[in-house]
Amino acid sequence: MKQFTRQTRDRVLDDTPSEDMKVQRAPFRRHEPSHQDIERRAYELYEERNGGAGSPLLDWIEAERELRLAAEDRAFARGEVI
Protein backbone atom coordinates (compact mmCIF):
# COMPACT_ATOMS: atom_id res chain seq x y z
CA MET A 1 0.00 0.00 0.00
CA LYS A 2 1.38 3.39 -0.96
CA GLN A 3 2.29 5.64 1.95
CA PHE A 4 1.59 9.35 1.67
CA THR A 5 3.73 11.85 3.50
CA ARG A 6 2.22 15.06 4.79
CA GLN A 7 3.88 16.94 1.94
CA THR A 8 2.51 14.54 -0.67
CA ARG A 9 -0.95 14.64 0.87
CA ASP A 10 -0.98 18.45 0.95
CA ARG A 11 0.17 18.62 -2.67
CA VAL A 12 -2.58 16.21 -3.72
CA LEU A 13 -5.19 18.14 -1.77
CA ASP A 14 -4.02 21.47 -3.20
CA ASP A 15 -4.22 20.31 -6.81
CA THR A 16 -7.32 21.72 -8.46
CA PRO A 17 -8.66 20.35 -11.73
CA SER A 18 -8.71 22.50 -14.80
CA GLU A 19 -12.06 23.96 -15.88
CA ASP A 20 -12.61 21.23 -18.48
CA MET A 21 -12.01 18.48 -15.88
CA LYS A 22 -14.40 19.76 -13.20
CA VAL A 23 -17.32 17.48 -12.44
CA GLN A 24 -20.78 18.96 -12.57
CA ARG A 25 -22.43 18.72 -9.17
CA ALA A 26 -25.99 17.60 -8.74
CA PRO A 27 -28.45 20.40 -8.06
CA PHE A 28 -29.09 21.26 -4.43
CA ARG A 29 -31.93 19.22 -3.04
CA ARG A 30 -34.47 21.36 -1.28
CA HIS A 31 -36.64 18.44 -0.25
CA GLU A 32 -34.53 16.62 2.31
CA PRO A 33 -36.41 14.65 4.97
CA SER A 34 -35.75 15.65 8.55
CA HIS A 35 -33.67 13.53 10.91
CA GLN A 36 -36.80 12.86 12.98
CA ASP A 37 -38.80 11.74 9.94
CA ILE A 38 -36.05 9.33 8.90
CA GLU A 39 -35.75 8.01 12.44
CA ARG A 40 -39.52 7.48 12.67
CA ARG A 41 -39.68 5.65 9.33
CA ALA A 42 -36.63 3.50 10.16
CA TYR A 43 -38.34 2.44 13.38
CA GLU A 44 -41.51 1.62 11.43
CA LEU A 45 -39.45 -0.63 9.15
CA TYR A 46 -38.00 -2.34 12.23
CA GLU A 47 -41.51 -2.88 13.63
CA GLU A 48 -42.80 -4.18 10.27
CA ARG A 49 -40.40 -7.11 10.53
CA ASN A 50 -41.38 -7.60 14.20
CA GLY A 51 -37.90 -6.72 15.37
CA GLY A 52 -36.49 -9.71 13.55
CA ALA A 53 -33.22 -10.04 11.72
CA GLY A 54 -32.15 -6.87 10.03
CA SER A 55 -29.85 -3.93 10.29
CA PRO A 56 -30.54 -0.52 11.84
CA LEU A 57 -28.24 1.01 9.22
CA LEU A 58 -30.14 -0.60 6.35
CA ASP A 59 -33.43 0.50 7.91
CA TRP A 60 -32.09 4.06 8.09
CA ILE A 61 -30.90 4.01 4.48
CA GLU A 62 -34.21 2.58 3.24
CA ALA A 63 -36.21 5.11 5.27
CA GLU A 64 -34.13 7.98 3.91
CA ARG A 65 -34.54 6.70 0.34
CA GLU A 66 -38.31 6.30 0.67
CA LEU A 67 -38.78 9.75 2.19
CA ARG A 68 -36.60 11.46 -0.40
CA LEU A 69 -38.46 9.81 -3.26
CA ALA A 70 -41.82 10.75 -1.75
CA ALA A 71 -40.70 14.38 -1.31
CA GLU A 72 -39.39 14.51 -4.87
CA ASP A 73 -42.63 13.03 -6.20
CA ARG A 74 -44.64 15.69 -4.36
CA ALA A 75 -42.35 18.44 -5.65
CA PHE A 76 -42.62 17.12 -9.20
CA ALA A 77 -46.41 17.01 -8.93
CA ARG A 78 -46.35 20.69 -7.90
CA GLY A 79 -44.11 21.49 -10.87
CA GLU A 80 -41.08 22.38 -8.76
CA VAL A 81 -37.55 21.86 -9.97
CA ILE A 82 -35.71 19.37 -7.81
PDB file of N, CA and C in Angstrom:
ATOM      1  N   MET A   1       0.840  -1.174   0.000  1.00  0.00           N
ATOM      2  CA  MET A   1       0.000   0.000   0.000  1.00  0.00           C
ATOM      3  C   MET A   1       0.882   1.233   0.000  1.00  0.00           C
ATOM      4  N   LYS A   2       0.573   2.188  -0.825  1.00  0.00           N
ATOM      5  CA  LYS A   2       1.381   3.388  -0.957  1.00  0.00           C
ATOM      6  C   LYS A   2       1.208   4.287   0.263  1.00  0.00           C
ATOM      7  N   GLN A   3       2.311   4.744   0.799  1.00  0.00           N
ATOM      8  CA  GLN A   3       2.292   5.644   1.945  1.00  0.00           C
ATOM      9  C   GLN A   3       2.379   7.080   1.461  1.00  0.00           C
ATOM     10  N   PHE A   4       1.550   7.938   1.997  1.00  0.00           N
ATOM     11  CA  PHE A   4       1.594   9.348   1.669  1.00  0.00           C
ATOM     12  C   PHE A   4       2.243  10.107   2.819  1.00  0.00           C
ATOM     13  N   THR A   5       3.161  10.960   2.490  1.00  0.00           N
ATOM     14  CA  THR A   5       3.726  11.850   3.497  1.00  0.00           C
ATOM     15  C   THR A   5       2.827  13.060   3.597  1.00  0.00           C
ATOM     16  N   ARG A   6       3.019  13.843   4.625  1.00  0.00           N
ATOM     17  CA  ARG A   6       2.224  15.059   4.793  1.00  0.00           C
ATOM     18  C   ARG A   6       2.389  15.967   3.577  1.00  0.00           C
ATOM     19  N   GLN A   7       3.615  16.084   3.086  1.00  0.00           N
ATOM     20  CA  GLN A   7       3.878  16.944   1.936  1.00  0.00           C
ATOM     21  C   GLN A   7       3.153  16.431   0.694  1.00  0.00           C
ATOM     22  N   THR A   8       3.200  15.122   0.476  1.00  0.00           N
ATOM     23  CA  THR A   8       2.511  14.536  -0.672  1.00  0.00           C
ATOM     24  C   THR A   8       1.008  14.738  -0.553  1.00  0.00           C
ATOM     25  N   ARG A   9       0.484  14.478   0.640  1.00  0.00           N
ATOM     26  CA  ARG A   9      -0.953  14.642   0.869  1.00  0.00           C
ATOM     27  C   ARG A   9      -1.383  16.075   0.621  1.00  0.00           C
ATOM     28  N   ASP A  10      -0.629  17.035   1.136  1.00  0.00           N
ATOM     29  CA  ASP A  10      -0.977  18.446   0.947  1.00  0.00           C
ATOM     30  C   ASP A  10      -0.923  18.833  -0.520  1.00  0.00           C
ATOM     31  N   ARG A  11       0.064  18.307  -1.248  1.00  0.00           N
ATOM     32  CA  ARG A  11       0.169  18.622  -2.670  1.00  0.00           C
ATOM     33  C   ARG A  11      -1.034  18.052  -3.422  1.00  0.00           C
ATOM     34  N   VAL A  12      -1.423  16.829  -3.072  1.00  0.00           N
ATOM     35  CA  VAL A  12      -2.582  16.205  -3.724  1.00  0.00           C
ATOM     36  C   VAL A  12      -3.843  16.997  -3.413  1.00  0.00           C
ATOM     37  N   LEU A  13      -4.001  17.407  -2.159  1.00  0.00           N
ATOM     38  CA  LEU A  13      -5.194  18.142  -1.772  1.00  0.00           C
ATOM     39  C   LEU A  13      -5.243  19.531  -2.383  1.00  0.00           C
ATOM     40  N   ASP A  14      -4.074  20.117  -2.632  1.00  0.00           N
ATOM     41  CA  ASP A  14      -4.024  21.466  -3.198  1.00  0.00           C
ATOM     42  C   ASP A  14      -4.224  21.488  -4.706  1.00  0.00           C
ATOM     43  N   ASP A  15      -4.032  20.353  -5.362  1.00  0.00           N
ATOM     44  CA  ASP A  15      -4.217  20.311  -6.813  1.00  0.00           C
ATOM     45  C   ASP A  15      -5.682  20.538  -7.143  1.00  0.00           C
ATOM     46  N   THR A  16      -5.942  21.458  -8.038  1.00  0.00           N
ATOM     47  CA  THR A  16      -7.318  21.715  -8.462  1.00  0.00           C
ATOM     48  C   THR A  16      -7.434  21.364  -9.931  1.00  0.00           C
ATOM     49  N   PRO A  17      -8.512  20.730 -10.318  1.00  0.00           N
ATOM     50  CA  PRO A  17      -8.662  20.348 -11.725  1.00  0.00           C
ATOM     51  C   PRO A  17      -8.869  21.573 -12.606  1.00  0.00           C
ATOM     52  N   SER A  18      -8.476  21.425 -13.858  1.00  0.00           N
ATOM     53  CA  SER A  18      -8.706  22.504 -14.804  1.00  0.00           C
ATOM     54  C   SER A  18     -10.206  22.625 -15.049  1.00  0.00           C
ATOM     55  N   GLU A  19     -10.631  23.714 -15.648  1.00  0.00           N
ATOM     56  CA  GLU A  19     -12.057  23.959 -15.878  1.00  0.00           C
ATOM     57  C   GLU A  19     -12.716  22.831 -16.665  1.00  0.00           C
ATOM     58  N   ASP A  20     -12.006  22.285 -17.661  1.00  0.00           N
ATOM     59  CA  ASP A  20     -12.614  21.234 -18.483  1.00  0.00           C
ATOM     60  C   ASP A  20     -12.682  19.885 -17.768  1.00  0.00           C
ATOM     61  N   MET A  21     -12.006  19.744 -16.621  1.00  0.00           N
ATOM     62  CA  MET A  21     -12.013  18.483 -15.877  1.00  0.00           C
ATOM     63  C   MET A  21     -12.951  18.520 -14.674  1.00  0.00           C
ATOM     64  N   LYS A  22     -13.539  19.663 -14.376  1.00  0.00           N
ATOM     65  CA  LYS A  22     -14.399  19.758 -13.205  1.00  0.00           C
ATOM     66  C   LYS A  22     -15.675  18.957 -13.428  1.00  0.00           C
ATOM     67  N   VAL A  23     -16.111  18.305 -12.390  1.00  0.00           N
ATOM     68  CA  VAL A  23     -17.321  17.483 -12.437  1.00  0.00           C
ATOM     69  C   VAL A  23     -18.510  18.363 -12.096  1.00  0.00           C
ATOM     70  N   GLN A  24     -19.565  18.219 -12.855  1.00  0.00           N
ATOM     71  CA  GLN A  24     -20.782  18.960 -12.566  1.00  0.00           C
ATOM     72  C   GLN A  24     -21.431  18.371 -11.332  1.00  0.00           C
ATOM     73  N   ARG A  25     -21.774  19.203 -10.385  1.00  0.00           N
ATOM     74  CA  ARG A  25     -22.431  18.724  -9.171  1.00  0.00           C
ATOM     75  C   ARG A  25     -23.935  18.644  -9.391  1.00  0.00           C
ATOM     76  N   ALA A  26     -24.537  17.731  -8.677  1.00  0.00           N
ATOM     77  CA  ALA A  26     -25.988  17.596  -8.741  1.00  0.00           C
ATOM     78  C   ALA A  26     -26.618  18.847  -8.147  1.00  0.00           C
ATOM     79  N   PRO A  27     -27.796  19.224  -8.620  1.00  0.00           N
ATOM     80  CA  PRO A  27     -28.452  20.401  -8.063  1.00  0.00           C
ATOM     81  C   PRO A  27     -28.766  20.211  -6.583  1.00  0.00           C
ATOM     82  N   PHE A  28     -28.796  21.294  -5.859  1.00  0.00           N
ATOM     83  CA  PHE A  28     -29.087  21.265  -4.430  1.00  0.00           C
ATOM     84  C   PHE A  28     -30.486  20.732  -4.216  1.00  0.00           C
ATOM     85  N   ARG A  29     -30.612  19.778  -3.345  1.00  0.00           N
ATOM     86  CA  ARG A  29     -31.928  19.218  -3.044  1.00  0.00           C
ATOM     87  C   ARG A  29     -32.581  20.041  -1.953  1.00  0.00           C
ATOM     88  N   ARG A  30     -33.740  20.559  -2.261  1.00  0.00           N
ATOM     89  CA  ARG A  30     -34.473  21.355  -1.277  1.00  0.00           C
ATOM     90  C   ARG A  30     -35.441  20.510  -0.479  1.00  0.00           C
ATOM     91  N   HIS A  31     -35.597  19.276  -0.849  1.00  0.00           N
ATOM     92  CA  HIS A  31     -36.637  18.440  -0.255  1.00  0.00           C
ATOM     93  C   HIS A  31     -36.026  17.296   0.547  1.00  0.00           C
ATOM     94  N   GLU A  32     -35.161  17.632   1.470  1.00  0.00           N
ATOM     95  CA  GLU A  32     -34.529  16.624   2.311  1.00  0.00           C
ATOM     96  C   GLU A  32     -35.442  16.292   3.491  1.00  0.00           C
ATOM     97  N   PRO A  33     -35.609  15.012   3.789  1.00  0.00           N
ATOM     98  CA  PRO A  33     -36.405  14.653   4.966  1.00  0.00           C
ATOM     99  C   PRO A  33     -35.649  15.014   6.242  1.00  0.00           C
ATOM    100  N   SER A  34     -36.385  15.296   7.284  1.00  0.00           N
ATOM    101  CA  SER A  34     -35.751  15.653   8.553  1.00  0.00           C
ATOM    102  C   SER A  34     -35.188  14.397   9.227  1.00  0.00           C
ATOM    103  N   HIS A  35     -34.271  14.623  10.131  1.00  0.00           N
ATOM    104  CA  HIS A  35     -33.673  13.532  10.906  1.00  0.00           C
ATOM    105  C   HIS A  35     -34.770  12.761  11.648  1.00  0.00           C
ATOM    106  N   GLN A  36     -35.722  13.497  12.225  1.00  0.00           N
ATOM    107  CA  GLN A  36     -36.797  12.864  12.982  1.00  0.00           C
ATOM    108  C   GLN A  36     -37.695  12.016  12.081  1.00  0.00           C
ATOM    109  N   ASP A  37     -37.972  12.514  10.875  1.00  0.00           N
ATOM    110  CA  ASP A  37     -38.803  11.742   9.941  1.00  0.00           C
ATOM    111  C   ASP A  37     -38.113  10.442   9.539  1.00  0.00           C
ATOM    112  N   ILE A  38     -36.803  10.529   9.274  1.00  0.00           N
ATOM    113  CA  ILE A  38     -36.053   9.329   8.898  1.00  0.00           C
ATOM    114  C   ILE A  38     -36.037   8.346  10.062  1.00  0.00           C
ATOM    115  N   GLU A  39     -35.786   8.863  11.253  1.00  0.00           N
ATOM    116  CA  GLU A  39     -35.750   8.015  12.443  1.00  0.00           C
ATOM    117  C   GLU A  39     -37.091   7.304  12.650  1.00  0.00           C
ATOM    118  N   ARG A  40     -38.176   8.047  12.498  1.00  0.00           N
ATOM    119  CA  ARG A  40     -39.519   7.479  12.670  1.00  0.00           C
ATOM    120  C   ARG A  40     -39.775   6.377  11.646  1.00  0.00           C
ATOM    121  N   ARG A  41     -39.436   6.650  10.375  1.00  0.00           N
ATOM    122  CA  ARG A  41     -39.680   5.649   9.327  1.00  0.00           C
ATOM    123  C   ARG A  41     -38.783   4.423   9.508  1.00  0.00           C
ATOM    124  N   ALA A  42     -37.537   4.627   9.920  1.00  0.00           N
ATOM    125  CA  ALA A  42     -36.631   3.497  10.159  1.00  0.00           C
ATOM    126  C   ALA A  42     -37.190   2.608  11.262  1.00  0.00           C
ATOM    127  N   TYR A  43     -37.751   3.224  12.293  1.00  0.00           N
ATOM    128  CA  TYR A  43     -38.339   2.438  13.379  1.00  0.00           C
ATOM    129  C   TYR A  43     -39.580   1.679  12.887  1.00  0.00           C
ATOM    130  N   GLU A  44     -40.353   2.309  12.015  1.00  0.00           N
ATOM    131  CA  GLU A  44     -41.508   1.621  11.434  1.00  0.00           C
ATOM    132  C   GLU A  44     -41.055   0.387  10.653  1.00  0.00           C
ATOM    133  N   LEU A  45     -39.973   0.517   9.897  1.00  0.00           N
ATOM    134  CA  LEU A  45     -39.449  -0.626   9.145  1.00  0.00           C
ATOM    135  C   LEU A  45     -39.031  -1.750  10.099  1.00  0.00           C
ATOM    136  N   TYR A  46     -38.402  -1.379  11.206  1.00  0.00           N
ATOM    137  CA  TYR A  46     -38.004  -2.338  12.234  1.00  0.00           C
ATOM    138  C   TYR A  46     -39.242  -3.057  12.788  1.00  0.00           C
ATOM    139  N   GLU A  47     -40.277  -2.283  13.090  1.00  0.00           N
ATOM    140  CA  GLU A  47     -41.508  -2.876  13.629  1.00  0.00           C
ATOM    141  C   GLU A  47     -42.203  -3.763  12.607  1.00  0.00           C
ATOM    142  N   GLU A  48     -42.153  -3.393  11.313  1.00  0.00           N
ATOM    143  CA  GLU A  48     -42.805  -4.185  10.274  1.00  0.00           C
ATOM    144  C   GLU A  48     -42.231  -5.593  10.181  1.00  0.00           C
ATOM    145  N   ARG A  49     -40.978  -5.765  10.540  1.00  0.00           N
ATOM    146  CA  ARG A  49     -40.402  -7.110  10.527  1.00  0.00           C
ATOM    147  C   ARG A  49     -40.394  -7.710  11.935  1.00  0.00           C
ATOM    148  N   ASN A  50     -41.214  -7.123  12.820  1.00  0.00           N
ATOM    149  CA  ASN A  50     -41.382  -7.605  14.197  1.00  0.00           C
ATOM    150  C   ASN A  50     -40.067  -7.679  14.960  1.00  0.00           C
ATOM    151  N   GLY A  51     -39.175  -6.761  14.668  1.00  0.00           N
ATOM    152  CA  GLY A  51     -37.902  -6.717  15.374  1.00  0.00           C
ATOM    153  C   GLY A  51     -36.971  -7.852  15.016  1.00  0.00           C
ATOM    154  N   GLY A  52     -37.304  -8.564  13.958  1.00  0.00           N
ATOM    155  CA  GLY A  52     -36.494  -9.712  13.546  1.00  0.00           C
ATOM    156  C   GLY A  52     -35.169  -9.293  12.947  1.00  0.00           C
ATOM    157  N   ALA A  53     -34.535 -10.262  12.316  1.00  0.00           N
ATOM    158  CA  ALA A  53     -33.216 -10.037  11.721  1.00  0.00           C
ATOM    159  C   ALA A  53     -33.256  -8.850  10.771  1.00  0.00           C
ATOM    160  N   GLY A  54     -32.247  -8.045  10.874  1.00  0.00           N
ATOM    161  CA  GLY A  54     -32.149  -6.870  10.033  1.00  0.00           C
ATOM    162  C   GLY A  54     -31.043  -5.969  10.552  1.00  0.00           C
ATOM    163  N   SER A  55     -30.914  -4.846   9.929  1.00  0.00           N
ATOM    164  CA  SER A  55     -29.846  -3.928  10.288  1.00  0.00           C
ATOM    165  C   SER A  55     -30.417  -2.533  10.502  1.00  0.00           C
ATOM    166  N   PRO A  56     -30.091  -1.904  11.629  1.00  0.00           N
ATOM    167  CA  PRO A  56     -30.540  -0.523  11.841  1.00  0.00           C
ATOM    168  C   PRO A  56     -30.020   0.415  10.745  1.00  0.00           C
ATOM    169  N   LEU A  57     -28.802   0.172  10.279  1.00  0.00           N
ATOM    170  CA  LEU A  57     -28.245   1.010   9.217  1.00  0.00           C
ATOM    171  C   LEU A  57     -29.043   0.852   7.926  1.00  0.00           C
ATOM    172  N   LEU A  58     -29.355  -0.386   7.573  1.00  0.00           N
ATOM    173  CA  LEU A  58     -30.140  -0.602   6.349  1.00  0.00           C
ATOM    174  C   LEU A  58     -31.546  -0.036   6.482  1.00  0.00           C
ATOM    175  N   ASP A  59     -32.127  -0.129   7.680  1.00  0.00           N
ATOM    176  CA  ASP A  59     -33.432   0.496   7.913  1.00  0.00           C
ATOM    177  C   ASP A  59     -33.337   1.999   7.696  1.00  0.00           C
ATOM    178  N   TRP A  60     -32.289   2.614   8.226  1.00  0.00           N
ATOM    179  CA  TRP A  60     -32.095   4.056   8.094  1.00  0.00           C
ATOM    180  C   TRP A  60     -31.957   4.446   6.623  1.00  0.00           C
ATOM    181  N   ILE A  61     -31.126   3.711   5.900  1.00  0.00           N
ATOM    182  CA  ILE A  61     -30.897   4.012   4.479  1.00  0.00           C
ATOM    183  C   ILE A  61     -32.195   3.857   3.683  1.00  0.00           C
ATOM    184  N   GLU A  62     -32.939   2.807   3.948  1.00  0.00           N
ATOM    185  CA  GLU A  62     -34.211   2.585   3.244  1.00  0.00           C
ATOM    186  C   GLU A  62     -35.217   3.676   3.586  1.00  0.00           C
ATOM    187  N   ALA A  63     -35.292   4.051   4.855  1.00  0.00           N
ATOM    188  CA  ALA A  63     -36.211   5.111   5.271  1.00  0.00           C
ATOM    189  C   ALA A  63     -35.856   6.422   4.587  1.00  0.00           C
ATOM    190  N   GLU A  64     -34.586   6.738   4.552  1.00  0.00           N
ATOM    191  CA  GLU A  64     -34.134   7.976   3.908  1.00  0.00           C
ATOM    192  C   GLU A  64     -34.473   7.969   2.421  1.00  0.00           C
ATOM    193  N   ARG A  65     -34.246   6.828   1.765  1.00  0.00           N
ATOM    194  CA  ARG A  65     -34.544   6.703   0.335  1.00  0.00           C
ATOM    195  C   ARG A  65     -36.034   6.887   0.068  1.00  0.00           C
ATOM    196  N   GLU A  66     -36.860   6.200   0.848  1.00  0.00           N
ATOM    197  CA  GLU A  66     -38.313   6.300   0.674  1.00  0.00           C
ATOM    198  C   GLU A  66     -38.794   7.736   0.856  1.00  0.00           C
ATOM    199  N   LEU A  67     -38.323   8.384   1.899  1.00  0.00           N
ATOM    200  CA  LEU A  67     -38.782   9.748   2.189  1.00  0.00           C
ATOM    201  C   LEU A  67     -38.302  10.746   1.141  1.00  0.00           C
ATOM    202  N   ARG A  68     -37.091  10.573   0.659  1.00  0.00           N
ATOM    203  CA  ARG A  68     -36.598  11.463  -0.402  1.00  0.00           C
ATOM    204  C   ARG A  68     -37.418  11.299  -1.678  1.00  0.00           C
ATOM    205  N   LEU A  69     -37.673  10.053  -2.046  1.00  0.00           N
ATOM    206  CA  LEU A  69     -38.465   9.811  -3.255  1.00  0.00           C
ATOM    207  C   LEU A  69     -39.868  10.386  -3.127  1.00  0.00           C
ATOM    208  N   ALA A  70     -40.474  10.209  -1.967  1.00  0.00           N
ATOM    209  CA  ALA A  70     -41.819  10.752  -1.752  1.00  0.00           C
ATOM    210  C   ALA A  70     -41.806  12.275  -1.845  1.00  0.00           C
ATOM    211  N   ALA A  71     -40.801  12.913  -1.257  1.00  0.00           N
ATOM    212  CA  ALA A  71     -40.704  14.380  -1.310  1.00  0.00           C
ATOM    213  C   ALA A  71     -40.473  14.851  -2.736  1.00  0.00           C
ATOM    214  N   GLU A  72     -39.636  14.132  -3.474  1.00  0.00           N
ATOM    215  CA  GLU A  72     -39.388  14.505  -4.870  1.00  0.00           C
ATOM    216  C   GLU A  72     -40.631  14.313  -5.725  1.00  0.00           C
ATOM    217  N   ASP A  73     -41.384  13.259  -5.467  1.00  0.00           N
ATOM    218  CA  ASP A  73     -42.634  13.033  -6.201  1.00  0.00           C
ATOM    219  C   ASP A  73     -43.627  14.167  -5.942  1.00  0.00           C
ATOM    220  N   ARG A  74     -43.733  14.584  -4.674  1.00  0.00           N
ATOM    221  CA  ARG A  74     -44.639  15.686  -4.356  1.00  0.00           C
ATOM    222  C   ARG A  74     -44.184  16.976  -5.029  1.00  0.00           C
ATOM    223  N   ALA A  75     -42.874  17.231  -5.016  1.00  0.00           N
ATOM    224  CA  ALA A  75     -42.345  18.444  -5.649  1.00  0.00           C
ATOM    225  C   ALA A  75     -42.591  18.419  -7.150  1.00  0.00           C
ATOM    226  N   PHE A  76     -42.401  17.255  -7.759  1.00  0.00           N
ATOM    227  CA  PHE A  76     -42.622  17.117  -9.202  1.00  0.00           C
ATOM    228  C   PHE A  76     -44.086  17.354  -9.535  1.00  0.00           C
ATOM    229  N   ALA A  77     -44.980  16.821  -8.711  1.00  0.00           N
ATOM    230  CA  ALA A  77     -46.408  17.013  -8.930  1.00  0.00           C
ATOM    231  C   ALA A  77     -46.800  18.477  -8.843  1.00  0.00           C
ATOM    232  N   ARG A  78     -46.091  19.243  -8.025  1.00  0.00           N
ATOM    233  CA  ARG A  78     -46.353  20.686  -7.899  1.00  0.00           C
ATOM    234  C   ARG A  78     -45.635  21.484  -8.976  1.00  0.00           C
ATOM    235  N   GLY A  79     -44.826  20.813  -9.800  1.00  0.00           N
ATOM    236  CA  GLY A  79     -44.114  21.487 -10.868  1.00  0.00           C
ATOM    237  C   GLY A  79     -42.833  22.173 -10.422  1.00  0.00           C
ATOM    238  N   GLU A  80     -42.319  21.793  -9.252  1.00  0.00           N
ATOM    239  CA  GLU A  80     -41.082  22.384  -8.765  1.00  0.00           C
ATOM    240  C   GLU A  80     -39.879  21.696  -9.371  1.00  0.00           C
ATOM    241  N   VAL A  81     -38.802  22.430  -9.517  1.00  0.00           N
ATOM    242  CA  VAL A  81     -37.551  21.860  -9.972  1.00  0.00           C
ATOM    243  C   VAL A  81     -36.868  21.245  -8.761  1.00  0.00           C
ATOM    244  N   ILE A  82     -36.378  20.055  -8.927  1.00  0.00           N
ATOM    245  CA  ILE A  82     -35.713  19.369  -7.809  1.00  0.00           C
ATOM    246  C   ILE A  82     -34.238  19.612  -7.890  1.00  0.00           C
TER     247      ILE A  82
END
